[in-house]
N, C-alpha and C. Protein backbone atom coordinates (compact mmCIF):
# COMPACT_ATOMS: atom_id res chain seq x y z
N UNK A 1 -6.02 7.30 -8.60
CA UNK A 1 -5.87 6.38 -9.75
C UNK A 1 -6.68 5.19 -9.28
N UNK A 2 -7.43 4.72 -10.60
CA UNK A 2 -8.25 3.60 -9.98
C UNK A 2 -7.30 2.17 -9.28
N UNK A 3 -8.31 1.11 -9.25
CA UNK A 3 -7.80 0.13 -8.70
C UNK A 3 -7.43 -0.56 -10.10
N UNK A 4 -6.75 -0.75 -11.10
CA UNK A 4 -6.34 -1.44 -11.93
C UNK A 4 -5.36 -2.57 -11.60
N UNK A 5 -5.80 -3.37 -11.97
CA UNK A 5 -5.20 -5.06 -11.77
C UNK A 5 -3.89 -4.89 -12.72
N UNK A 6 -2.91 -4.86 -12.82
CA UNK A 6 -1.76 -5.15 -13.88
C UNK A 6 -1.17 -6.62 -13.77
N UNK A 7 -1.34 -7.23 -12.50
CA UNK A 7 -1.14 -8.87 -12.94
C UNK A 7 -2.19 -9.25 -12.30
N UNK A 8 -3.03 -9.94 -12.80
CA UNK A 8 -3.96 -10.85 -12.48
C UNK A 8 -3.69 -12.02 -11.69
N UNK A 9 -2.77 -12.79 -12.32
CA UNK A 9 -2.15 -13.88 -11.32
C UNK A 9 -1.95 -13.83 -9.53
N UNK A 10 -1.15 -12.43 -9.43
CA UNK A 10 -0.60 -12.03 -7.99
C UNK A 10 -1.42 -10.90 -7.74
N UNK A 11 -2.30 -9.95 -8.28
CA UNK A 11 -2.63 -9.50 -7.39
C UNK A 11 -2.55 -8.26 -8.01
N UNK A 12 -1.04 -7.46 -8.63
CA UNK A 12 -0.72 -6.70 -8.08
C UNK A 12 -1.61 -5.11 -9.27
N UNK A 13 -1.64 -3.95 -8.59
CA UNK A 13 -2.17 -3.20 -9.07
C UNK A 13 -1.22 -1.94 -9.53
N UNK A 14 -1.71 -0.74 -10.32
CA UNK A 14 -0.53 0.04 -11.14
C UNK A 14 -0.22 1.14 -9.97
N UNK A 15 -1.07 1.15 -8.64
CA UNK A 15 -0.58 1.99 -7.14
C UNK A 15 0.53 0.95 -6.72
N UNK A 16 0.29 -0.20 -6.86
CA UNK A 16 1.62 -0.91 -6.04
C UNK A 16 2.28 -0.81 -6.32
N UNK A 17 2.73 -0.91 -7.92
CA UNK A 17 4.35 -0.90 -9.10
C UNK A 17 4.33 0.67 -8.87
N UNK A 18 3.74 1.73 -8.72
CA UNK A 18 4.21 3.23 -8.55
C UNK A 18 4.90 3.04 -7.03
N UNK A 19 4.52 2.60 -5.99
CA UNK A 19 4.53 2.74 -4.87
C UNK A 19 6.05 1.95 -4.52
N UNK A 20 5.98 0.88 -5.29
CA UNK A 20 7.34 -0.31 -5.39
C UNK A 20 8.39 0.37 -5.87
N UNK A 21 8.21 1.35 -7.50
CA UNK A 21 9.24 2.10 -7.71
C UNK A 21 9.65 3.09 -6.85
N UNK A 22 8.95 3.95 -6.06
CA UNK A 22 9.10 5.14 -5.02
C UNK A 22 9.69 4.66 -3.81
N UNK A 23 9.84 3.22 -3.39
CA UNK A 23 10.57 2.55 -2.38
C UNK A 23 11.33 1.85 -2.59
N UNK A 24 11.57 1.29 -4.05
CA UNK A 24 12.84 0.97 -4.15
C UNK A 24 14.01 1.53 -5.06
N UNK A 25 13.50 2.25 -5.84
CA UNK A 25 14.21 2.97 -7.44
C UNK A 25 14.00 2.02 -8.33
N UNK A 26 13.17 1.02 -8.22
CA UNK A 26 13.31 -0.45 -9.48
C UNK A 26 12.04 -1.10 -9.01
N UNK A 27 11.90 -1.84 -9.94
CA UNK A 27 10.56 -2.34 -9.97
C UNK A 27 10.85 -3.84 -9.20
N UNK A 28 10.86 -4.33 -7.73
CA UNK A 28 10.82 -5.38 -7.50
C UNK A 28 9.59 -6.20 -7.67
N UNK A 29 8.47 -5.50 -7.92
CA UNK A 29 7.43 -6.30 -8.45
C UNK A 29 7.51 -6.99 -9.50
N UNK A 30 8.27 -6.13 -10.28
CA UNK A 30 8.66 -6.85 -11.81
C UNK A 30 9.45 -8.27 -11.63
N UNK A 31 10.21 -7.99 -10.82
CA UNK A 31 11.27 -8.67 -10.52
C UNK A 31 10.62 -10.13 -9.74
N UNK A 32 9.51 -9.98 -9.10
CA UNK A 32 8.81 -10.97 -8.58
C UNK A 32 8.24 -11.99 -9.74
N UNK A 33 7.47 -11.39 -10.19
CA UNK A 33 6.34 -11.35 -10.93
C UNK A 33 7.44 -12.54 -11.79
N UNK A 34 8.66 -12.29 -12.32
CA UNK A 34 9.48 -12.55 -13.44
C UNK A 34 9.52 -14.05 -13.25
N UNK A 35 10.60 -13.97 -11.93
CA UNK A 35 10.66 -14.95 -10.91
C UNK A 35 9.52 -16.15 -10.91
N UNK A 36 8.48 -15.91 -10.49
CA UNK A 36 7.28 -16.77 -10.49
C UNK A 36 7.07 -16.99 -11.95
N UNK A 37 7.03 -16.36 -12.66
CA UNK A 37 6.74 -16.71 -14.16
C UNK A 37 7.96 -17.79 -14.66
N UNK A 38 9.16 -17.63 -14.45
CA UNK A 38 10.04 -18.80 -14.33
C UNK A 38 9.91 -19.66 -13.81
N UNK A 39 9.32 -20.02 -12.86
CA UNK A 39 8.78 -20.87 -11.92
C UNK A 39 7.50 -21.85 -12.69
N UNK A 40 7.06 -21.10 -13.60
CA UNK A 40 5.90 -21.88 -13.81
C UNK A 40 4.80 -21.58 -13.13
N UNK A 41 4.52 -20.09 -12.32
CA UNK A 41 3.59 -19.93 -11.39
C UNK A 41 2.66 -19.21 -11.99
N UNK A 42 2.75 -18.68 -13.09
CA UNK A 42 1.92 -17.36 -13.90
C UNK A 42 0.91 -18.38 -14.65
N UNK A 43 -0.21 -17.99 -14.55
CA UNK A 43 -1.35 -18.22 -15.30
C UNK A 43 -2.26 -17.03 -16.09
N UNK A 44 -1.65 -16.39 -16.62
CA UNK A 44 -2.27 -14.91 -16.85
C UNK A 44 -3.18 -15.08 -17.84
N UNK A 45 -3.03 -16.03 -18.74
CA UNK A 45 -3.71 -16.73 -19.82
C UNK A 45 -5.19 -17.14 -19.58
N UNK A 46 -5.29 -18.09 -18.30
CA UNK A 46 -6.20 -18.32 -17.68
C UNK A 46 -7.14 -17.41 -16.91
N UNK A 47 -6.58 -16.39 -16.13
CA UNK A 47 -6.91 -15.66 -14.96
C UNK A 47 -7.21 -14.02 -15.93
N UNK A 48 -6.45 -13.49 -16.98
CA UNK A 48 -6.61 -12.20 -17.51
C UNK A 48 -8.08 -12.32 -18.34
N UNK A 49 -8.73 -11.41 -18.02
CA UNK A 49 -10.07 -11.04 -18.98
C UNK A 49 -9.46 -10.94 -20.16
N UNK A 50 -8.47 -10.26 -20.45
CA UNK A 50 -7.74 -10.11 -21.87
C UNK A 50 -7.03 -11.37 -22.32
N UNK A 51 -6.83 -12.07 -21.46
CA UNK A 51 -5.89 -13.17 -21.91
C UNK A 51 -4.18 -12.88 -21.75
N UNK A 52 -3.28 -13.84 -21.84
CA UNK A 52 -2.18 -13.54 -21.42
C UNK A 52 -1.24 -12.94 -22.52
């Protein structure tokens, strides 16, 4: 699998998410991103080349 970034703000790749699901049975990465977004620490619209 390529090193496709899924989350430009925090640098998570598709591989990171797959490994997270395998290790935890759920996406702790998604939970982390959601918490950071609620805290105002998400800047996808600025850092993602496709926009947020």
